[in-house]
């Protein structure tokens, strides 16, 4: 999610190129060791929220994913993506 543009890129890929499957990580955890300063990955919660607002059915429970993100962030001692 470098520069915070992942959601915009995903929305464009889905609309313009018919992409139906994307990869994300709960709470945006992760990153790239080859990209110094990279903030991490796009948060699954953000992708699900965007899809819901666009009327795209995901089959995933946003509330459950939010809970999972809170749980893992608490254990890692870090703020979640909504912080």
Protein backbone atom coordinates (compact mmCIF):
# COMPACT_ATOMS: atom_id res chain seq x y z
CA UNK A 1 0.00 0.00 0.00
CA UNK A 2 2.85 2.35 -0.78
CA UNK A 3 1.63 5.97 -0.93
CA UNK A 4 -1.83 4.77 0.19
CA UNK A 5 -2.93 4.10 -3.40
CA UNK A 6 -3.77 0.41 -3.15
CA UNK A 7 -7.55 0.86 -2.95
CA UNK A 8 -7.59 3.23 -5.92
CA UNK A 9 -5.48 0.78 -7.90
CA UNK A 10 -7.72 -2.14 -6.96
CA UNK A 11 -10.89 -0.23 -7.86
CA UNK A 12 -9.44 0.63 -11.27
CA UNK A 13 -8.25 -2.93 -11.90
CA UNK A 14 -11.66 -4.30 -10.98
CA UNK A 15 -13.62 -1.81 -13.07
CA UNK A 16 -11.38 -1.45 -16.11
CA UNK A 17 -9.89 -4.91 -16.37
CA UNK A 18 -12.46 -7.23 -14.80
CA UNK A 19 -10.21 -8.36 -11.96
CA UNK A 20 -12.32 -10.45 -9.59
CA UNK A 21 -9.77 -11.68 -7.05
CA UNK A 22 -7.30 -9.61 -5.09
CA UNK A 23 -4.86 -10.26 -2.30
CA UNK A 24 -4.89 -8.32 0.95
CA UNK A 25 -3.86 -8.88 4.55
CA UNK A 26 -5.76 -8.51 7.80
CA UNK A 27 -4.89 -5.15 9.38
CA UNK A 28 -2.56 -4.46 6.47
CA UNK A 29 0.13 -6.51 8.17
CA UNK A 30 3.23 -7.28 6.22
CA UNK A 31 5.29 -5.25 3.86
CA UNK A 32 8.19 -5.73 1.55
CA UNK A 33 11.78 -6.07 2.68
CA UNK A 34 12.85 -4.74 -0.73
CA UNK A 35 10.87 -1.49 -0.42
CA UNK A 36 12.34 0.54 2.44
CA UNK A 37 9.67 2.60 4.15
CA UNK A 38 6.79 0.66 2.59
CA UNK A 39 3.85 0.96 4.96
CA UNK A 40 2.59 -2.58 4.54
CA UNK A 41 -0.10 -4.28 2.54
CA UNK A 42 -3.61 -3.14 1.77
CA UNK A 43 -5.89 -4.05 4.65
CA UNK A 44 -8.48 -6.73 3.95
CA UNK A 45 -10.93 -4.65 5.99
CA UNK A 46 -10.49 -1.68 3.63
CA UNK A 47 -10.95 -3.83 0.53
CA UNK A 48 -14.12 -5.41 1.95
CA UNK A 49 -15.53 -2.01 2.95
CA UNK A 50 -14.83 -0.65 -0.55
CA UNK A 51 -16.44 -3.69 -2.18
CA UNK A 52 -19.53 -3.42 0.02
CA UNK A 53 -19.95 0.26 -0.89
CA UNK A 54 -19.57 -0.61 -4.58
CA UNK A 55 -22.21 -3.33 -4.30
CA UNK A 56 -19.72 -6.14 -4.86
CA UNK A 57 -20.58 -9.32 -2.96
CA UNK A 58 -17.53 -10.84 -1.30
CA UNK A 59 -19.02 -13.59 0.82
CA UNK A 60 -16.86 -12.39 3.72
CA UNK A 61 -18.00 -11.05 7.08
CA UNK A 62 -16.48 -7.57 7.46
CA UNK A 63 -17.20 -7.53 11.20
CA UNK A 64 -15.36 -10.81 11.72
CA UNK A 65 -12.37 -9.56 9.75
CA UNK A 66 -12.33 -6.34 11.80
CA UNK A 67 -12.37 -8.42 14.98
CA UNK A 68 -9.50 -10.57 13.70
CA UNK A 69 -7.48 -7.47 12.86
CA UNK A 70 -8.07 -5.99 16.31
CA UNK A 71 -7.06 -9.30 17.91
CA UNK A 72 -3.80 -9.69 16.01
CA UNK A 73 -2.83 -6.00 16.37
CA UNK A 74 -3.41 -6.18 20.12
CA UNK A 75 -1.11 -9.18 20.39
CA UNK A 76 1.54 -7.53 18.26
CA UNK A 77 1.29 -4.29 20.18
CA UNK A 78 0.64 -2.19 17.11
CA UNK A 79 -2.14 0.08 15.93
CA UNK A 80 -4.57 -1.22 13.34
CA UNK A 81 -5.17 0.41 9.96
CA UNK A 82 -8.07 2.51 11.29
CA UNK A 83 -5.79 4.20 13.85
